[in-house]
Amino acid sequence: MSAPTLSDPKRPLAGVKVIEFGSLIAAPFATRLMADFGAEVIKIEPPEGDPLRRWRKLYKGVSLWWYVQSRGKQCRSLDLKAPLDLAQALALCKDADIVVENFRPGVMEKLGLGWEVLSAANPGLVMVRVSGFGQSGPYRSQAGFGAIGESMGGLRYVTGFADRPPVRTGVSIGDSIAALFAVMGALMALRHREVNGGKGQVVDVALYEAVFAMMESLVPEFDVEGFIRERAGNIMPGITPSNTHATRDQQYVTIGANGDAIFIRLMRAIGRVDLAEDTTLHDNAGRDARRDEIYAVIDQWVARHDYAEVTAVLNAAEVPASKVYSVADMFQDPQFIARDMFIPLTLPDGKVIRMPGIVPKLLG
């Protein structure tokens, strides 16, 4: 497989013009994905720059995360409170296909770049609006970052261990999920424009709703059974076995053996033929009823072996398993390398760095 490049004119969004009025994570991540697939993205920044330029690890004063988030984009510094700069921004929007913004609702209107103004100037425009709580409702004007969306959307309540307070995931997942919905909504709106007379529309993405949409069967389980899902550590509540276990050499391996046939193969592979042949464990309900017993058996087997032996046995038995990877593990992994998951970027001073590859892969 040849490595994807950011300069390939055949990429699927070539010819689509996107104007980004965004900062930090959600909107910039959405437009980065569009740029990855060929869109012309023009990022409008205030004179002081996007705050992300100064976040986390810096190389010669510029955030390495910034380089990931801004790849493939053109950046323009405009003071939207200055009439001449505002006129330039409006001119850019007049022939754009998509505008993406993640201000608090009402800010674009105060600047003179609200939907009424932009759609009057460009009837075919798709405007993607990412905010904490959406463009309507009693919370619309409240400040809301991804962390708030994760909390209100239900994710943080179920993340962690039962005897400890809720925890966050290790990345800004709420913003990233909202960005994915923003891209999906933008592409659907472009398709709608194509088949419905060329008229654009607003795509309204709320951070808390993007997270809420990922919460599986949380709603009907509460509605029908009054069941409130609680924190359950590394297991999948109600689905057994799926958990993370420590090896003898202090590596962590996640084993997903919650399929009926896979469970039988796992038990045979670790020498528990008795459990493999126990017909009460041949469906998920039976296994989940004896969850603690089953996890203790797997814990004990994994703890007696080094990681290499654990994975060799499980791979031979066709049981899904993986070490819990650090980034150092990823850089050495042949699957990551074969799939071009590290692509080069040359910085202004000539230094070449690696950044995440393009996802998904369109084989056409």
Protein backbone atom coordinates (compact mmCIF):
# COMPACT_ATOMS: atom_id res chain seq x y z
CA MET A 1 0.00 0.00 0.00
CA SER A 2 1.44 3.34 -0.99
CA ALA A 3 1.51 6.11 1.59
CA PRO A 4 -1.30 8.67 1.27
CA THR A 5 -0.21 12.21 0.58
CA LEU A 6 -1.83 15.53 1.39
CA SER A 7 -1.12 16.87 -2.11
CA ASP A 8 -2.94 14.24 -4.18
CA PRO A 9 -5.38 16.11 -6.52
CA LYS A 10 -7.59 13.03 -6.78
CA ARG A 11 -8.64 13.11 -3.14
CA PRO A 12 -12.44 12.93 -2.77
CA LEU A 13 -13.06 16.43 -1.36
CA ALA A 14 -10.90 18.21 -3.93
CA GLY A 15 -12.79 21.31 -5.09
CA VAL A 16 -14.65 21.77 -1.79
CA LYS A 17 -13.81 25.09 -0.12
CA VAL A 18 -14.05 25.29 3.66
CA ILE A 19 -13.68 28.35 5.89
CA GLU A 20 -12.88 27.61 9.52
CA PHE A 21 -13.71 30.02 12.34
CA GLY A 22 -12.51 27.71 15.08
CA SER A 23 -10.08 27.34 17.93
CA LEU A 24 -8.59 24.55 20.00
CA ILE A 25 -10.12 21.18 19.21
CA ALA A 26 -13.62 20.46 17.86
CA ALA A 27 -13.96 22.67 14.78
CA PRO A 28 -10.25 22.53 13.87
CA PHE A 29 -10.27 18.73 14.08
CA ALA A 30 -13.34 18.59 11.82
CA THR A 31 -11.67 20.77 9.19
CA ARG A 32 -8.42 18.84 9.50
CA LEU A 33 -10.32 15.71 8.47
CA MET A 34 -11.80 17.58 5.52
CA ALA A 35 -8.34 18.79 4.52
CA ASP A 36 -7.00 15.24 4.76
CA PHE A 37 -9.40 14.25 2.00
CA GLY A 38 -8.67 17.18 -0.30
CA ALA A 39 -10.82 20.11 0.79
CA GLU A 40 -9.31 23.59 0.52
CA VAL A 41 -9.43 24.73 4.15
CA ILE A 42 -8.79 28.36 5.09
CA LYS A 43 -8.45 28.81 8.83
CA ILE A 44 -9.27 32.26 10.17
CA GLU A 45 -7.24 33.07 13.30
CA PRO A 46 -7.24 36.13 15.54
CA PRO A 47 -4.02 38.18 15.48
CA GLU A 48 -2.78 36.42 18.62
CA GLY A 49 -3.32 33.01 17.00
CA ASP A 50 -5.27 29.93 18.00
CA PRO A 51 -4.49 29.07 21.66
CA LEU A 52 -3.66 25.54 20.52
CA ARG A 53 -0.41 26.91 19.09
CA ARG A 54 0.86 27.05 22.69
CA TRP A 55 -0.62 23.84 24.16
CA ARG A 56 1.29 20.79 25.37
CA LYS A 57 4.73 19.94 23.99
CA LEU A 58 6.31 22.75 21.96
CA TYR A 59 8.95 22.64 19.25
CA LYS A 60 10.70 26.01 18.93
CA GLY A 61 7.73 27.67 20.59
CA VAL A 62 4.97 26.02 18.54
CA SER A 63 2.77 23.17 19.71
CA LEU A 64 3.35 19.82 18.03
CA TRP A 65 -0.39 19.21 18.41
CA TRP A 66 -0.94 22.40 16.41
CA TYR A 67 0.97 20.92 13.48
CA VAL A 68 -1.24 17.82 13.54
CA GLN A 69 -4.46 19.79 13.85
CA SER A 70 -3.57 22.35 11.16
CA ARG A 71 -2.01 20.18 8.48
CA GLY A 72 -3.24 20.85 4.97
CA LYS A 73 -4.77 24.22 5.89
CA GLN A 74 -4.07 27.81 4.91
CA CYS A 75 -4.04 30.16 7.89
CA ARG A 76 -5.14 33.79 7.72
CA SER A 77 -4.84 36.24 10.58
CA LEU A 78 -7.93 38.47 10.73
CA ASP A 79 -9.31 40.66 13.49
CA LEU A 80 -13.02 40.08 13.03
CA LYS A 81 -13.81 43.19 15.07
CA ALA A 82 -12.01 45.34 12.49
CA PRO A 83 -14.26 46.35 9.54
CA LEU A 84 -11.70 45.66 6.80
CA ASP A 85 -10.78 42.24 8.20
CA LEU A 86 -14.44 41.38 8.68
CA ALA A 87 -15.09 42.29 5.04
CA GLN A 88 -12.28 39.92 3.99
CA ALA A 89 -13.81 37.11 6.04
CA LEU A 90 -17.23 37.68 4.51
CA ALA A 91 -15.71 37.71 1.02
CA LEU A 92 -14.09 34.33 1.69
CA CYS A 93 -17.46 32.90 2.76
CA LYS A 94 -19.25 34.10 -0.38
CA ASP A 95 -17.75 31.39 -2.56
CA ALA A 96 -17.23 28.72 0.11
CA ASP A 97 -19.05 25.42 0.28
CA ILE A 98 -18.75 24.99 4.05
CA VAL A 99 -18.18 27.28 7.01
CA VAL A 100 -17.26 25.63 10.31
CA GLU A 101 -17.33 27.54 13.60
CA ASN A 102 -17.22 26.65 17.29
CA PHE A 103 -18.01 29.92 19.03
CA ARG A 104 -20.66 30.15 21.69
CA PRO A 105 -24.09 30.65 20.04
CA GLY A 106 -24.66 34.30 19.15
CA VAL A 107 -21.00 35.27 18.74
CA MET A 108 -20.99 34.90 14.95
CA GLU A 109 -24.15 37.01 14.81
CA LYS A 110 -22.52 39.75 16.91
CA LEU A 111 -19.55 39.74 14.55
CA GLY A 112 -21.83 40.13 11.54
CA LEU A 113 -21.21 36.59 10.27
CA GLY A 114 -24.40 34.86 11.40
CA TRP A 115 -26.41 32.45 9.29
CA GLU A 116 -28.80 35.08 7.97
CA VAL A 117 -25.93 37.20 6.65
CA LEU A 118 -23.88 34.34 5.23
CA SER A 119 -26.78 32.51 3.60
CA ALA A 120 -28.01 35.73 2.00
CA ALA A 121 -24.56 36.22 0.48
CA ASN A 122 -24.15 32.54 -0.42
CA PRO A 123 -27.44 30.57 -0.61
CA GLY A 124 -25.63 27.29 -1.22
CA LEU A 125 -23.52 27.55 1.92
CA VAL A 126 -23.45 24.79 4.52
CA MET A 127 -22.74 26.24 7.96
CA VAL A 128 -21.52 23.79 10.59
CA ARG A 129 -21.96 25.13 14.11
CA VAL A 130 -20.27 23.26 16.97
CA SER A 131 -21.04 24.40 20.51
CA GLY A 132 -21.38 23.03 24.00
CA PHE A 133 -25.17 22.77 24.04
CA GLY A 134 -26.36 23.53 20.52
CA GLN A 135 -28.01 26.57 18.96
CA SER A 136 -31.28 26.24 20.91
CA GLY A 137 -32.53 25.31 24.36
CA PRO A 138 -32.11 26.89 27.80
CA TYR A 139 -28.37 26.11 27.99
CA ARG A 140 -27.45 27.45 24.54
CA SER A 141 -25.59 30.50 25.89
CA GLN A 142 -23.61 28.65 28.53
CA ALA A 143 -19.91 27.97 28.04
CA GLY A 144 -19.19 24.34 27.31
CA PHE A 145 -15.95 22.53 26.48
CA GLY A 146 -15.52 18.87 25.60
CA ALA A 147 -15.06 17.94 29.26
CA ILE A 148 -18.51 19.37 30.00
CA GLY A 149 -20.02 17.48 27.08
CA GLU A 150 -18.47 14.24 28.31
CA SER A 151 -19.90 14.84 31.77
CA MET A 152 -23.41 15.87 30.71
CA GLY A 153 -23.55 13.32 27.89
CA GLY A 154 -23.08 10.42 30.30
CA LEU A 155 -19.59 9.21 29.41
CA ARG A 156 -17.77 10.27 32.54
CA TYR A 157 -20.43 8.81 34.83
CA VAL A 158 -19.71 5.31 33.56
CA THR A 159 -15.92 5.70 33.24
CA GLY A 160 -13.73 4.42 36.07
CA PHE A 161 -14.07 1.94 38.91
CA ALA A 162 -17.09 1.54 41.16
CA ASP A 163 -15.23 2.47 44.35
CA ARG A 164 -13.68 5.65 42.94
CA PRO A 165 -14.90 8.96 41.48
CA PRO A 166 -15.55 9.28 37.73
CA VAL A 167 -12.49 9.78 35.54
CA ARG A 168 -11.82 11.17 32.08
CA THR A 169 -10.44 9.30 29.13
CA GLY A 170 -6.84 10.10 28.24
CA VAL A 171 -7.72 12.34 25.26
CA SER A 172 -10.24 15.08 24.51
CA ILE A 173 -12.74 12.54 23.29
CA GLY A 174 -15.84 14.75 23.57
CA ASP A 175 -14.42 17.32 21.17
CA SER A 176 -13.22 14.61 18.79
CA ILE A 177 -16.59 12.86 18.70
CA ALA A 178 -18.30 16.19 18.02
CA ALA A 179 -15.82 16.82 15.18
CA LEU A 180 -16.71 13.49 13.58
CA PHE A 181 -20.43 14.34 13.72
CA ALA A 182 -19.62 17.77 12.29
CA VAL A 183 -17.88 16.23 9.28
CA MET A 184 -20.67 13.71 8.80
CA GLY A 185 -23.31 16.44 9.00
CA ALA A 186 -21.41 18.65 6.56
CA LEU A 187 -21.14 15.89 3.97
CA MET A 188 -24.82 14.99 4.37
CA ALA A 189 -25.74 18.65 3.93
CA LEU A 190 -23.63 18.85 0.77
CA ARG A 191 -25.44 15.80 -0.57
CA HIS A 192 -28.78 17.39 0.34
CA ARG A 193 -27.74 20.56 -1.48
CA GLU A 194 -26.83 18.52 -4.53
CA VAL A 195 -30.24 16.85 -4.83
CA ASN A 196 -32.45 19.67 -3.56
CA GLY A 197 -31.83 22.66 -5.78
CA GLY A 198 -28.50 23.85 -4.43
CA LYS A 199 -29.71 25.35 -1.16
CA GLY A 200 -27.48 25.15 1.89
CA GLN A 201 -28.42 24.73 5.53
CA VAL A 202 -27.13 24.82 9.12
CA VAL A 203 -25.62 21.72 10.74
CA ASP A 204 -26.03 22.10 14.53
CA VAL A 205 -23.65 19.92 16.60
CA ALA A 206 -23.80 20.04 20.40
CA LEU A 207 -20.86 18.54 22.29
CA TYR A 208 -23.05 16.90 24.93
CA GLU A 209 -25.33 15.38 22.27
CA ALA A 210 -22.39 14.00 20.31
CA VAL A 211 -21.24 12.16 23.44
CA PHE A 212 -24.79 11.17 24.36
CA ALA A 213 -25.22 9.57 20.93
CA MET A 214 -22.40 7.13 21.76
CA MET A 215 -23.96 5.81 24.96
CA GLU A 216 -25.22 2.50 23.56
CA SER A 217 -28.36 1.19 25.32
CA LEU A 218 -28.20 3.61 28.25
CA VAL A 219 -31.54 5.27 27.47
CA PRO A 220 -33.85 2.28 26.87
CA GLU A 221 -32.32 0.35 29.77
CA PHE A 222 -33.30 3.17 32.10
CA ASP A 223 -36.64 3.82 30.41
CA VAL A 224 -37.80 0.21 30.48
CA GLU A 225 -36.00 -1.24 33.51
CA GLY A 226 -35.06 1.80 35.58
CA PHE A 227 -31.47 0.58 35.28
CA ILE A 228 -28.68 3.11 35.78
CA ARG A 229 -25.37 1.94 34.38
CA GLU A 230 -22.58 2.54 36.87
CA ARG A 231 -18.79 2.50 36.66
CA ALA A 232 -17.44 -0.99 36.13
CA GLY A 233 -13.71 -0.58 35.60
CA ASN A 234 -12.26 -2.39 32.59
CA ILE A 235 -15.06 -4.87 31.99
CA MET A 236 -17.97 -4.46 29.58
CA PRO A 237 -21.06 -4.45 31.82
CA GLY A 238 -23.42 -7.28 30.87
CA ILE A 239 -21.01 -8.74 28.31
CA THR A 240 -18.59 -11.44 29.49
CA PRO A 241 -15.67 -11.94 29.21
CA SER A 242 -14.04 -8.71 28.06
CA ASN A 243 -11.40 -7.30 30.37
CA THR A 244 -7.77 -6.26 30.83
CA HIS A 245 -5.36 -8.55 32.66
CA ALA A 246 -1.77 -8.23 33.98
CA THR A 247 0.89 -10.66 32.71
CA ARG A 248 3.78 -12.07 34.72
CA ASP A 249 6.17 -9.56 33.12
CA GLN A 250 3.89 -6.66 34.09
CA GLN A 251 2.33 -6.00 30.71
CA TYR A 252 -1.39 -5.40 30.30
CA VAL A 253 -3.38 -7.40 27.78
CA THR A 254 -7.00 -6.90 26.81
CA ILE A 255 -8.89 -10.08 25.95
CA GLY A 256 -12.27 -9.99 24.22
CA ALA A 257 -13.78 -13.47 24.35
CA ASN A 258 -17.44 -12.54 24.65
CA GLY A 259 -18.51 -14.47 21.55
CA ASP A 260 -19.94 -17.90 22.34
CA ALA A 261 -17.50 -19.88 20.18
CA ILE A 262 -14.58 -17.65 21.14
CA PHE A 263 -15.21 -18.27 24.83
CA ILE A 264 -15.01 -22.02 24.29
CA ARG A 265 -11.74 -21.64 22.38
CA LEU A 266 -10.30 -19.45 25.14
CA MET A 267 -11.15 -21.92 27.88
CA ARG A 268 -9.61 -24.78 25.93
CA ALA A 269 -6.49 -22.73 25.20
CA ILE A 270 -5.89 -21.97 28.88
CA GLY A 271 -6.53 -25.53 29.98
CA ARG A 272 -10.04 -25.14 31.37
CA VAL A 273 -11.82 -27.75 29.30
CA ASP A 274 -14.36 -28.10 32.12
CA LEU A 275 -15.55 -24.54 31.57
CA ALA A 276 -15.42 -24.93 27.79
CA GLU A 277 -17.79 -27.89 28.04
CA ASP A 278 -20.11 -26.34 30.64
CA THR A 279 -23.28 -25.73 28.62
CA THR A 280 -24.48 -23.10 31.11
CA LEU A 281 -21.63 -20.90 29.85
CA HIS A 282 -22.42 -21.28 26.17
CA ASP A 283 -24.32 -18.00 25.99
CA ASN A 284 -23.61 -14.54 27.29
CA ALA A 285 -26.35 -14.55 29.94
CA GLY A 286 -24.90 -17.68 31.54
CA ARG A 287 -21.36 -16.32 31.46
CA ASP A 288 -22.35 -12.94 32.84
CA ALA A 289 -24.07 -14.61 35.78
CA ARG A 290 -20.71 -16.15 36.70
CA ARG A 291 -18.63 -13.16 35.67
CA ASP A 292 -16.44 -12.97 38.79
CA GLU A 293 -15.55 -16.65 38.57
CA ILE A 294 -14.61 -16.42 34.89
CA TYR A 295 -12.50 -13.28 35.32
CA ALA A 296 -10.65 -14.87 38.23
CA VAL A 297 -9.79 -17.87 36.05
CA ILE A 298 -8.47 -15.67 33.23
CA ASP A 299 -6.60 -13.39 35.65
CA GLN A 300 -4.82 -16.34 37.20
CA TRP A 301 -3.82 -17.85 33.84
CA VAL A 302 -2.51 -14.58 32.43
CA ALA A 303 -0.58 -13.81 35.63
CA ARG A 304 1.36 -17.10 35.29
CA HIS A 305 2.72 -16.23 31.82
CA ASP A 306 4.74 -13.52 30.11
CA TYR A 307 3.05 -11.35 27.51
CA ALA A 308 4.69 -13.04 24.52
CA GLU A 309 3.40 -16.45 25.60
CA VAL A 310 -0.08 -15.11 26.36
CA THR A 311 -0.45 -13.58 22.91
CA ALA A 312 1.05 -16.62 21.17
CA VAL A 313 -1.50 -18.92 22.83
CA LEU A 314 -4.45 -16.59 22.22
CA ASN A 315 -3.53 -15.89 18.59
CA ALA A 316 -3.21 -19.60 17.92
CA ALA A 317 -6.67 -20.09 19.42
CA GLU A 318 -8.09 -17.15 17.41
CA VAL A 319 -9.08 -15.26 20.53
CA PRO A 320 -9.04 -11.44 20.09
CA ALA A 321 -6.34 -9.95 22.33
CA SER A 322 -3.90 -7.06 22.40
CA LYS A 323 -1.34 -5.51 24.62
CA VAL A 324 -2.44 -2.12 25.90
CA TYR A 325 -0.18 -0.07 23.64
CA SER A 326 1.86 2.97 24.53
CA VAL A 327 2.89 5.27 21.70
CA ALA A 328 6.35 3.64 21.80
CA ASP A 329 4.69 0.29 21.09
CA MET A 330 2.83 1.80 18.14
CA PHE A 331 6.02 3.14 16.55
CA GLN A 332 7.47 -0.39 16.50
CA ASP A 333 4.35 -2.27 15.47
CA PRO A 334 4.35 -3.80 11.96
CA GLN A 335 0.59 -3.32 11.53
CA PHE A 336 0.82 0.42 12.14
CA ILE A 337 3.76 0.61 9.75
CA ALA A 338 2.15 -1.50 7.02
CA ARG A 339 -0.99 0.64 7.14
CA ASP A 340 0.93 3.95 6.84
CA MET A 341 -0.23 5.17 10.23
CA PHE A 342 2.76 7.52 10.52
CA ILE A 343 3.14 10.11 7.78
CA PRO A 344 5.93 12.70 7.51
CA LEU A 345 5.56 16.44 7.80
CA THR A 346 8.37 18.90 7.15
CA LEU A 347 8.38 21.83 9.57
CA PRO A 348 9.37 25.35 8.47
CA ASP A 349 12.97 24.82 9.65
CA GLY A 350 13.31 21.61 7.63
CA LYS A 351 12.83 19.17 10.52
CA VAL A 352 10.75 16.14 9.53
CA ILE A 353 8.30 14.84 12.11
CA ARG A 354 5.80 12.02 12.00
CA MET A 355 2.12 12.49 12.62
CA PRO A 356 -0.99 10.25 12.55
CA GLY A 357 -1.92 8.74 9.20
CA ILE A 358 -5.16 9.39 7.35
CA VAL A 359 -8.30 7.53 8.47
CA PRO A 360 -10.37 6.00 6.90
CA LYS A 361 -8.71 4.56 3.83
CA LEU A 362 -10.65 4.92 0.60
CA LEU A 363 -9.24 2.22 -1.63
CA GLY A 364 -10.61 3.95 -4.73
